[in-house]
Amino acid sequence: MEERIEIITIGKEILIGRTQDTNSHWLCRRIIALGGFVKRVIIVDDEIKEIVEALNIAFKDKSRVIITTGGLGPTSDDKTLEAVAKFASCKLTINQEALEFVKSRYKYFYEKGYVSYPEITPEREKMAILPEGSKLLSNPVGAAPGVALKHKGCWIFSIPGVPKEMKAIFENSIINMLKDIIGKKFFLEKTIKSGIEDESKLAPLLKILAKEFPAIYIKSHPLHFAHKVDIELSFSSSGDEKEEVKRRIDNSINRFKELIEGKHQNHDGGR
């Protein structure tokens, strides 16, 4: 059974078009490569009510993992952890490990000349206030730690929205936890040229394939209408055994080629 994963991207700057959400795209690619299943990606404002509502929806839909990005910084509009605590009905407290982490990071930044002073202000201390019972995820790039909290069987991973920080925390801390949750799975994707220039001609063939190969995700990639366009098709699947996944995809591609040949033969024969 595929473990359902949802991604909640948090930030008004994304909703108003100032910043592009590249984090979700990157996370989806990494999670799929691990054999995970991303059911939904949602973008919400920096408002506690909006974040809590998104968490509730994901939880009610039986998500095993929820990943939030953004809203972990020192400013007043960084409200993600407050929302997570409210969702999980737990207190926000100063986490001593997180506080030492924040102190060490600002000491390092000061010594490097990145900041003008190393002292911990209330704004910097804010990044060490975590939901009770949560686990710190070390941030090797920035000052705000990531946070992991397990709530009624659902893991919530909250990571910064800065792409370099998000990627570093995911690769260093979250990926191994995800592997334990998802289990050992293999993901494979193959892309071929369809030999067809019009997606509407592909549609009935893809419908047949979807019925015959329910474990294969097949997606057409049209770019534009033009002469001599050859639409690409991607075939992807995941499973416990690498060879089985490969065999499944190869069979679906071979079946597509059979359908194409039959379609062309029928078309030519009708002339």
C-alpha atoms as a PDB file:
ATOM      1  CA  MET A   1       0.000   0.000   0.000  1.00  0.00           C
ATOM      2  CA  GLU A   2       1.332   3.452  -0.925  1.00  0.00           C
ATOM      3  CA  GLU A   3       1.952   5.782   2.006  1.00  0.00           C
ATOM      4  CA  ARG A   4       0.111   9.024   1.358  1.00  0.00           C
ATOM      5  CA  ILE A   5       2.244  12.175   1.589  1.00  0.00           C
ATOM      6  CA  GLU A   6       1.049  15.775   1.384  1.00  0.00           C
ATOM      7  CA  ILE A   7       3.033  18.980   1.012  1.00  0.00           C
ATOM      8  CA  ILE A   8       1.859  22.302   2.436  1.00  0.00           C
ATOM      9  CA  THR A   9       3.739  25.337   1.152  1.00  0.00           C
ATOM     10  CA  ILE A  10       3.329  28.369   3.373  1.00  0.00           C
ATOM     11  CA  GLY A  11       3.840  31.993   2.388  1.00  0.00           C
ATOM     12  CA  LYS A  12       1.967  35.023   1.150  1.00  0.00           C
ATOM     13  CA  GLU A  13       4.930  35.848  -1.099  1.00  0.00           C
ATOM     14  CA  ILE A  14       4.067  32.773  -3.178  1.00  0.00           C
ATOM     15  CA  LEU A  15       0.349  33.558  -3.363  1.00  0.00           C
ATOM     16  CA  ILE A  16       0.982  37.106  -4.614  1.00  0.00           C
ATOM     17  CA  GLY A  17       3.448  35.888  -7.235  1.00  0.00           C
ATOM     18  CA  ARG A  18       6.579  37.423  -5.745  1.00  0.00           C
ATOM     19  CA  THR A  19       8.248  34.070  -5.155  1.00  0.00           C
ATOM     20  CA  GLN A  20       7.940  30.903  -7.202  1.00  0.00           C
ATOM     21  CA  ASP A  21       7.305  27.654  -5.322  1.00  0.00           C
ATOM     22  CA  THR A  22      10.215  25.523  -6.524  1.00  0.00           C
ATOM     23  CA  ASN A  23      10.324  23.619  -3.217  1.00  0.00           C
ATOM     24  CA  SER A  24       7.234  21.507  -3.910  1.00  0.00           C
ATOM     25  CA  HIS A  25       8.519  20.514  -7.341  1.00  0.00           C
ATOM     26  CA  TRP A  26      11.845  19.418  -5.870  1.00  0.00           C
ATOM     27  CA  LEU A  27      10.218  17.572  -2.976  1.00  0.00           C
ATOM     28  CA  CYS A  28       7.827  15.713  -5.273  1.00  0.00           C
ATOM     29  CA  ARG A  29      10.707  14.502  -7.425  1.00  0.00           C
ATOM     30  CA  ARG A  30      12.684  13.309  -4.400  1.00  0.00           C
ATOM     31  CA  ILE A  31       9.709  11.616  -2.729  1.00  0.00           C
ATOM     32  CA  ILE A  32       8.638   9.824  -5.911  1.00  0.00           C
ATOM     33  CA  ALA A  33      12.213   8.645  -6.413  1.00  0.00           C
ATOM     34  CA  LEU A  34      11.992   7.017  -2.976  1.00  0.00           C
ATOM     35  CA  GLY A  35       8.820   5.200  -3.987  1.00  0.00           C
ATOM     36  CA  GLY A  36       6.535   7.565  -2.080  1.00  0.00           C
ATOM     37  CA  PHE A  37       3.180   8.895  -3.208  1.00  0.00           C
ATOM     38  CA  VAL A  38       2.461  12.634  -3.108  1.00  0.00           C
ATOM     39  CA  LYS A  39      -1.306  12.971  -3.103  1.00  0.00           C
ATOM     40  CA  ARG A  40      -1.629  16.732  -2.898  1.00  0.00           C
ATOM     41  CA  VAL A  41       0.339  19.992  -2.798  1.00  0.00           C
ATOM     42  CA  ILE A  42      -1.338  23.062  -1.359  1.00  0.00           C
ATOM     43  CA  ILE A  43      -0.199  26.676  -0.913  1.00  0.00           C
ATOM     44  CA  VAL A  44      -1.569  28.673   2.020  1.00  0.00           C
ATOM     45  CA  ASP A  45      -1.152  32.135   3.505  1.00  0.00           C
ATOM     46  CA  ASP A  46       0.925  32.944   6.604  1.00  0.00           C
ATOM     47  CA  GLU A  47      -2.144  32.657   8.799  1.00  0.00           C
ATOM     48  CA  ILE A  48      -2.546  30.171  11.634  1.00  0.00           C
ATOM     49  CA  LYS A  49      -6.149  29.430  10.708  1.00  0.00           C
ATOM     50  CA  GLU A  50      -5.216  28.633   7.093  1.00  0.00           C
ATOM     51  CA  ILE A  51      -2.300  26.408   8.080  1.00  0.00           C
ATOM     52  CA  VAL A  52      -4.324  24.501  10.686  1.00  0.00           C
ATOM     53  CA  GLU A  53      -7.113  23.950   8.179  1.00  0.00           C
ATOM     54  CA  ALA A  54      -4.659  22.543   5.630  1.00  0.00           C
ATOM     55  CA  LEU A  55      -3.163  20.232   8.276  1.00  0.00           C
ATOM     56  CA  ASN A  56      -6.614  19.026   9.294  1.00  0.00           C
ATOM     57  CA  ILE A  57      -7.564  18.251   5.694  1.00  0.00           C
ATOM     58  CA  ALA A  58      -4.367  16.276   5.137  1.00  0.00           C
ATOM     59  CA  PHE A  59      -4.815  14.381   8.405  1.00  0.00           C
ATOM     60  CA  LYS A  60      -8.476  13.538   7.734  1.00  0.00           C
ATOM     61  CA  ASP A  61      -7.438  12.226   4.319  1.00  0.00           C
ATOM     62  CA  LYS A  62      -5.222   9.723   6.157  1.00  0.00           C
ATOM     63  CA  SER A  63      -1.877  11.182   5.134  1.00  0.00           C
ATOM     64  CA  ARG A  64       0.973   9.302   6.772  1.00  0.00           C
ATOM     65  CA  VAL A  65       3.371  12.199   6.229  1.00  0.00           C
ATOM     66  CA  ILE A  66       2.770  15.950   5.976  1.00  0.00           C
ATOM     67  CA  ILE A  67       5.646  18.214   4.936  1.00  0.00           C
ATOM     68  CA  THR A  68       5.354  21.954   5.491  1.00  0.00           C
ATOM     69  CA  THR A  69       7.794  24.447   3.999  1.00  0.00           C
ATOM     70  CA  GLY A  70       8.209  28.032   5.136  1.00  0.00           C
ATOM     71  CA  GLY A  71       7.274  30.042   8.195  1.00  0.00           C
ATOM     72  CA  LEU A  72      10.057  28.994  10.604  1.00  0.00           C
ATOM     73  CA  GLY A  73      11.989  32.260  10.773  1.00  0.00           C
ATOM     74  CA  PRO A  74      12.318  34.977  13.433  1.00  0.00           C
ATOM     75  CA  THR A  75       9.675  37.410  12.174  1.00  0.00           C
ATOM     76  CA  SER A  76       6.088  37.822  13.315  1.00  0.00           C
ATOM     77  CA  ASP A  77       4.648  36.370  10.109  1.00  0.00           C
ATOM     78  CA  ASP A  78       6.500  33.069  10.658  1.00  0.00           C
ATOM     79  CA  LYS A  79       3.645  31.136  12.277  1.00  0.00           C
ATOM     80  CA  THR A  80       4.042  27.556  11.093  1.00  0.00           C
ATOM     81  CA  LEU A  81       5.065  25.975  14.392  1.00  0.00           C
ATOM     82  CA  GLU A  82       2.338  27.825  16.262  1.00  0.00           C
ATOM     83  CA  ALA A  83      -0.154  26.345  13.802  1.00  0.00           C
ATOM     84  CA  VAL A  84       1.347  22.850  14.095  1.00  0.00           C
ATOM     85  CA  ALA A  85       1.087  23.046  17.893  1.00  0.00           C
ATOM     86  CA  LYS A  86      -2.517  24.162  17.661  1.00  0.00           C
ATOM     87  CA  PHE A  87      -3.347  21.364  15.228  1.00  0.00           C
ATOM     88  CA  ALA A  88      -1.720  18.737  17.463  1.00  0.00           C
ATOM     89  CA  SER A  89      -3.159  20.255  20.662  1.00  0.00           C
ATOM     90  CA  CYS A  90       0.247  20.618  22.294  1.00  0.00           C
ATOM     91  CA  LYS A  91       2.141  23.470  23.925  1.00  0.00           C
ATOM     92  CA  LEU A  92       4.897  25.585  22.440  1.00  0.00           C
ATOM     93  CA  THR A  93       7.986  25.558  24.652  1.00  0.00           C
ATOM     94  CA  ILE A  94      11.628  26.572  24.436  1.00  0.00           C
ATOM     95  CA  ASN A  95      13.498  23.505  23.298  1.00  0.00           C
ATOM     96  CA  GLN A  96      16.945  23.571  24.919  1.00  0.00           C
ATOM     97  CA  GLU A  97      18.566  21.583  22.122  1.00  0.00           C
ATOM     98  CA  ALA A  98      17.084  23.973  19.572  1.00  0.00           C
ATOM     99  CA  LEU A  99      18.201  26.982  21.612  1.00  0.00           C
ATOM    100  CA  GLU A 100      21.779  25.715  21.726  1.00  0.00           C
ATOM    101  CA  PHE A 101      21.595  25.082  18.015  1.00  0.00           C
ATOM    102  CA  VAL A 102      20.402  28.636  17.273  1.00  0.00           C
ATOM    103  CA  LYS A 103      23.118  30.060  19.557  1.00  0.00           C
ATOM    104  CA  SER A 104      25.821  28.041  17.816  1.00  0.00           C
ATOM    105  CA  ARG A 105      24.624  29.106  14.388  1.00  0.00           C
ATOM    106  CA  TYR A 106      24.631  32.816  15.231  1.00  0.00           C
ATOM    107  CA  LYS A 107      28.063  32.477  16.835  1.00  0.00           C
ATOM    108  CA  TYR A 108      29.277  30.884  13.604  1.00  0.00           C
ATOM    109  CA  PHE A 109      27.629  33.544  11.438  1.00  0.00           C
ATOM    110  CA  TYR A 110      29.170  36.299  13.579  1.00  0.00           C
ATOM    111  CA  GLU A 111      32.640  34.790  13.343  1.00  0.00           C
ATOM    112  CA  LYS A 112      32.241  34.586   9.573  1.00  0.00           C
ATOM    113  CA  GLY A 113      31.097  38.198   9.415  1.00  0.00           C
ATOM    114  CA  TYR A 114      27.596  37.324   8.179  1.00  0.00           C
ATOM    115  CA  VAL A 115      25.828  39.052  11.105  1.00  0.00           C
ATOM    116  CA  SER A 116      26.814  42.057  13.213  1.00  0.00           C
ATOM    117  CA  TYR A 117      26.358  40.468  16.664  1.00  0.00           C
ATOM    118  CA  PRO A 118      26.020  36.910  18.070  1.00  0.00           C
ATOM    119  CA  GLU A 119      23.671  37.536  20.994  1.00  0.00           C
ATOM    120  CA  ILE A 120      20.304  35.783  21.139  1.00  0.00           C
ATOM    121  CA  THR A 121      17.466  38.276  20.875  1.00  0.00           C
ATOM    122  CA  PRO A 122      13.800  37.409  21.461  1.00  0.00           C
ATOM    123  CA  GLU A 123      13.396  37.194  17.681  1.00  0.00           C
ATOM    124  CA  ARG A 124      16.240  34.693  17.381  1.00  0.00           C
ATOM    125  CA  GLU A 125      15.030  32.784  20.433  1.00  0.00           C
ATOM    126  CA  LYS A 126      11.660  32.404  18.684  1.00  0.00           C
ATOM    127  CA  MET A 127      13.252  29.859  16.343  1.00  0.00           C
ATOM    128  CA  ALA A 128      13.923  27.596  19.357  1.00  0.00           C
ATOM    129  CA  ILE A 129      10.288  27.566  20.505  1.00  0.00           C
ATOM    130  CA  LEU A 130       8.968  24.223  19.271  1.00  0.00           C
ATOM    131  CA  PRO A 131       5.830  22.119  19.748  1.00  0.00           C
ATOM    132  CA  GLU A 132       6.147  19.959  22.846  1.00  0.00           C
ATOM    133  CA  GLY A 133       7.319  16.447  22.012  1.00  0.00           C
ATOM    134  CA  SER A 134       8.848  17.423  18.693  1.00  0.00           C
ATOM    135  CA  LYS A 135      12.311  16.562  17.421  1.00  0.00           C
ATOM    136  CA  LEU A 136      14.880  19.037  16.125  1.00  0.00           C
ATOM    137  CA  LEU A 137      16.143  18.571  12.562  1.00  0.00           C
ATOM    138  CA  SER A 138      19.563  20.172  12.165  1.00  0.00           C
ATOM    139  CA  ASN A 139      19.928  22.932   9.574  1.00  0.00           C
ATOM    140  CA  PRO A 140      23.498  22.968   8.183  1.00  0.00           C
ATOM    141  CA  VAL A 141      22.834  26.080   6.088  1.00  0.00           C
ATOM    142  CA  GLY A 142      20.666  28.511   8.080  1.00  0.00           C
ATOM    143  CA  ALA A 143      19.730  29.302  11.674  1.00  0.00           C
ATOM    144  CA  ALA A 144      16.179  27.947  11.890  1.00  0.00           C
ATOM    145  CA  PRO A 145      16.061  24.226  12.712  1.00  0.00           C
ATOM    146  CA  GLY A 146      13.593  21.932  11.052  1.00  0.00           C
ATOM    147  CA  VAL A 147      11.062  20.144  13.236  1.00  0.00           C
ATOM    148  CA  ALA A 148       9.575  16.640  13.244  1.00  0.00           C
ATOM    149  CA  LEU A 149       6.441  15.819  15.219  1.00  0.00           C
ATOM    150  CA  LYS A 150       4.473  12.577  15.294  1.00  0.00           C
ATOM    151  CA  HIS A 151       0.761  13.051  15.894  1.00  0.00           C
ATOM    152  CA  LYS A 152      -1.587  10.053  16.057  1.00  0.00           C
ATOM    153  CA  GLY A 153       0.473   8.033  13.579  1.00  0.00           C
ATOM    154  CA  CYS A 154       1.074  10.955  11.206  1.00  0.00           C
ATOM    155  CA  TRP A 155       4.530  12.497  10.864  1.00  0.00           C
ATOM    156  CA  ILE A 156       4.687  16.266  10.356  1.00  0.00           C
ATOM    157  CA  PHE A 157       7.983  17.609   9.036  1.00  0.00           C
ATOM    158  CA  SER A 158       8.320  21.399   9.117  1.00  0.00           C
ATOM    159  CA  ILE A 159      11.263  22.840   7.221  1.00  0.00           C
ATOM    160  CA  PRO A 160      12.353  26.348   6.169  1.00  0.00           C
ATOM    161  CA  GLY A 161      11.206  27.797   2.873  1.00  0.00           C
ATOM    162  CA  VAL A 162      14.689  28.884   1.735  1.00  0.00           C
ATOM    163  CA  PRO A 163      15.467  26.244  -0.942  1.00  0.00           C
ATOM    164  CA  LYS A 164      19.063  25.552   0.119  1.00  0.00           C
ATOM    165  CA  GLU A 165      18.003  25.062   3.739  1.00  0.00           C
ATOM    166  CA  MET A 166      14.968  22.973   2.780  1.00  0.00           C
ATOM    167  CA  LYS A 167      17.043  20.641   0.592  1.00  0.00           C
ATOM    168  CA  ALA A 168      19.835  20.273   3.163  1.00  0.00           C
ATOM    169  CA  ILE A 169      17.450  19.323   5.983  1.00  0.00           C
ATOM    170  CA  PHE A 170      15.544  16.918   3.744  1.00  0.00           C
ATOM    171  CA  GLU A 171      18.686  15.147   2.549  1.00  0.00           C
ATOM    172  CA  ASN A 172      20.431  15.075   5.936  1.00  0.00           C
ATOM    173  CA  SER A 173      17.522  14.262   8.256  1.00  0.00           C
ATOM    174  CA  ILE A 174      14.148  13.584   6.655  1.00  0.00           C
ATOM    175  CA  ILE A 175      15.124  11.199   3.882  1.00  0.00           C
ATOM    176  CA  ASN A 176      16.166   8.360   6.227  1.00  0.00           C
ATOM    177  CA  MET A 177      12.998   8.766   8.291  1.00  0.00           C
ATOM    178  CA  LEU A 178      10.920   8.676   5.099  1.00  0.00           C
ATOM    179  CA  LYS A 179      12.632   5.484   3.974  1.00  0.00           C
ATOM    180  CA  ASP A 180      11.584   3.841   7.239  1.00  0.00           C
ATOM    181  CA  ILE A 181       7.997   5.050   6.784  1.00  0.00           C
ATOM    182  CA  ILE A 182       7.682   4.206   3.084  1.00  0.00           C
ATOM    183  CA  GLY A 183       9.730   1.028   3.193  1.00  0.00           C
ATOM    184  CA  LYS A 184      12.166  -0.136   0.553  1.00  0.00           C
ATOM    185  CA  LYS A 185      10.610   0.676  -2.783  1.00  0.00           C
ATOM    186  CA  PHE A 186      11.821   1.329  -6.288  1.00  0.00           C
ATOM    187  CA  PHE A 187      10.663   4.023  -8.679  1.00  0.00           C
ATOM    188  CA  LEU A 188      11.247   3.923 -12.409  1.00  0.00           C
ATOM    189  CA  GLU A 189      10.248   6.231 -15.213  1.00  0.00           C
ATOM    190  CA  LYS A 190      10.768   5.815 -18.948  1.00  0.00           C
ATOM    191  CA  THR A 191       9.979   8.381 -21.621  1.00  0.00           C
ATOM    192  CA  ILE A 192       9.341   7.566 -25.276  1.00  0.00           C
ATOM    193  CA  LYS A 193       8.263   9.378 -28.419  1.00  0.00           C
ATOM    194  CA  SER A 194       4.674   8.462 -29.230  1.00  0.00           C
ATOM    195  CA  GLY A 195       4.852   9.060 -32.964  1.00  0.00           C
ATOM    196  CA  ILE A 196       1.588  11.018 -32.677  1.00  0.00           C
ATOM    197  CA  GLU A 197       1.244  14.774 -33.121  1.00  0.00           C
ATOM    198  CA  ASP A 198      -2.247  15.289 -31.682  1.00  0.00           C
ATOM    199  CA  GLU A 199      -3.019  14.524 -28.025  1.00  0.00           C
ATOM    200  CA  SER A 200      -6.675  13.868 -28.831  1.00  0.00           C
ATOM    201  CA  LYS A 201      -5.538  10.888 -30.925  1.00  0.00           C
ATOM    202  CA  LEU A 202      -3.572   9.565 -27.960  1.00  0.00           C
ATOM    203  CA  ALA A 203      -6.471   9.811 -25.520  1.00  0.00           C
ATOM    204  CA  PRO A 204      -8.345   6.602 -26.480  1.00  0.00           C
ATOM    205  CA  LEU A 205      -5.094   4.608 -26.479  1.00  0.00           C
ATOM    206  CA  LEU A 206      -4.129   5.899 -23.037  1.00  0.00           C
ATOM    207  CA  LYS A 207      -7.578   4.976 -21.780  1.00  0.00           C
ATOM    208  CA  ILE A 208      -6.986   1.365 -22.862  1.00  0.00           C
ATOM    209  CA  LEU A 209      -3.557   1.325 -21.229  1.00  0.00           C
ATOM    210  CA  ALA A 210      -4.905   2.764 -17.961  1.00  0.00           C
ATOM    211  CA  LYS A 211      -7.414  -0.088 -17.770  1.00  0.00           C
ATOM    212  CA  GLU A 212      -4.880  -2.793 -18.639  1.00  0.00           C
ATOM    213  CA  PHE A 213      -2.016  -1.419 -16.515  1.00  0.00           C
ATOM    214  CA  PRO A 214      -3.520   0.244 -13.412  1.00  0.00           C
ATOM    215  CA  ALA A 215      -0.162   0.277 -11.601  1.00  0.00           C
ATOM    216  CA  ILE A 216       1.435   2.405 -14.325  1.00  0.00           C
ATOM    217  CA  TYR A 217       1.136   6.187 -14.408  1.00  0.00           C
ATOM    218  CA  ILE A 218       1.177   7.292 -18.046  1.00  0.00           C
ATOM    219  CA  LYS A 219       1.374  10.957 -18.918  1.00  0.00           C
ATOM    220  CA  SER A 220       1.474  12.674 -22.290  1.00  0.00           C
ATOM    221  CA  HIS A 221       3.567  15.831 -22.632  1.00  0.00           C
ATOM    222  CA  PRO A 222       2.291  18.017 -25.462  1.00  0.00           C
ATOM    223  CA  LEU A 223       4.178  21.259 -25.963  1.00  0.00           C
ATOM    224  CA  HIS A 224       2.305  22.981 -28.762  1.00  0.00           C
ATOM    225  CA  PHE A 225       0.468  22.473 -32.039  1.00  0.00           C
ATOM    226  CA  ALA A 226       2.805  22.449 -35.020  1.00  0.00           C
ATOM    227  CA  HIS A 227       3.930  20.402 -37.995  1.00  0.00           C
ATOM    228  CA  LYS A 228       6.042  17.347 -37.224  1.00  0.00           C
ATOM    229  CA  VAL A 229       5.347  17.398 -33.483  1.00  0.00           C
ATOM    230  CA  ASP A 230       6.059  14.076 -31.761  1.00  0.00           C
ATOM    231  CA  ILE A 231       4.380  13.991 -28.343  1.00  0.00           C
ATOM    232  CA  GLU A 232       6.400  12.401 -25.559  1.00  0.00           C
ATOM    233  CA  LEU A 233       4.898   9.825 -23.204  1.00  0.00           C
ATOM    234  CA  SER A 234       6.273   9.024 -19.763  1.00  0.00           C
ATOM    235  CA  PHE A 235       5.581   5.667 -18.096  1.00  0.00           C
ATOM    236  CA  SER A 236       6.275   5.470 -14.360  1.00  0.00           C
ATOM    237  CA  SER A 237       5.644   3.052 -11.527  1.00  0.00           C
ATOM    238  CA  SER A 238       6.954   2.048  -8.114  1.00  0.00           C
ATOM    239  CA  GLY A 239       7.059  -1.218  -6.207  1.00  0.00           C
ATOM    240  CA  ASP A 240       8.969  -3.470  -3.852  1.00  0.00           C
ATOM    241  CA  GLU A 241      10.988  -5.277  -6.535  1.00  0.00           C
ATOM    242  CA  LYS A 242      13.070  -3.371  -9.082  1.00  0.00           C
ATOM    243  CA  GLU A 243      12.834  -6.042 -11.783  1.00  0.00           C
ATOM    244  CA  GLU A 244       9.065  -6.293 -11.388  1.00  0.00           C
ATOM    245  CA  VAL A 245       8.684  -2.525 -11.792  1.00  0.00           C
ATOM    246  CA  LYS A 246      10.890  -2.590 -14.895  1.00  0.00           C
ATOM    247  CA  ARG A 247       8.967  -5.523 -16.384  1.00  0.00           C
ATOM    248  CA  ARG A 248       5.652  -3.775 -15.737  1.00  0.00           C
ATOM    249  CA  ILE A 249       6.769  -0.596 -17.502  1.00  0.00           C
ATOM    250  CA  ASP A 250       8.320  -2.474 -20.431  1.00  0.00           C
ATOM    251  CA  ASN A 251       5.095  -4.438 -20.910  1.00  0.00           C
ATOM    252  CA  SER A 252       3.005  -1.276 -20.946  1.00  0.00           C
ATOM    253  CA  ILE A 253       5.324   0.378 -23.494  1.00  0.00           C
ATOM    254  CA  ASN A 254       5.225  -2.705 -25.721  1.00  0.00           C
ATOM    255  CA  ARG A 255       1.433  -2.746 -25.477  1.00  0.00           C
ATOM    256  CA  PHE A 256       1.337   0.924 -26.475  1.00  0.00           C
ATOM    257  CA  LYS A 257       3.440   0.152 -29.543  1.00  0.00           C
ATOM    258  CA  GLU A 258       1.037  -2.651 -30.462  1.00  0.00           C
ATOM    259  CA  LEU A 259      -1.904  -0.269 -30.177  1.00  0.00           C
ATOM    260  CA  ILE A 260      -0.109   2.313 -32.310  1.00  0.00           C
ATOM    261  CA  GLU A 261       0.643  -0.251 -35.003  1.00  0.00           C
ATOM    262  CA  GLY A 262      -2.932  -1.477 -34.967  1.00  0.00           C
ATOM    263  CA  LYS A 263      -4.241   2.099 -35.154  1.00  0.00           C
ATOM    264  CA  HIS A 264      -2.018   2.908 -38.094  1.00  0.00           C
ATOM    265  CA  GLN A 265      -2.888  -0.341 -39.854  1.00  0.00           C
ATOM    266  CA  ASN A 266      -6.591   0.321 -39.391  1.00  0.00           C
ATOM    267  CA  HIS A 267      -6.185   3.874 -40.600  1.00  0.00           C
ATOM    268  CA  ASP A 268      -4.165   2.847 -43.649  1.00  0.00           C
ATOM    269  CA  GLY A 269      -6.527   0.002 -44.421  1.00  0.00           C
ATOM    270  CA  GLY A 270      -9.466   2.398 -44.431  1.00  0.00           C
ATOM    271  CA  ARG A 271      -7.986   4.542 -47.155  1.00  0.00           C
END
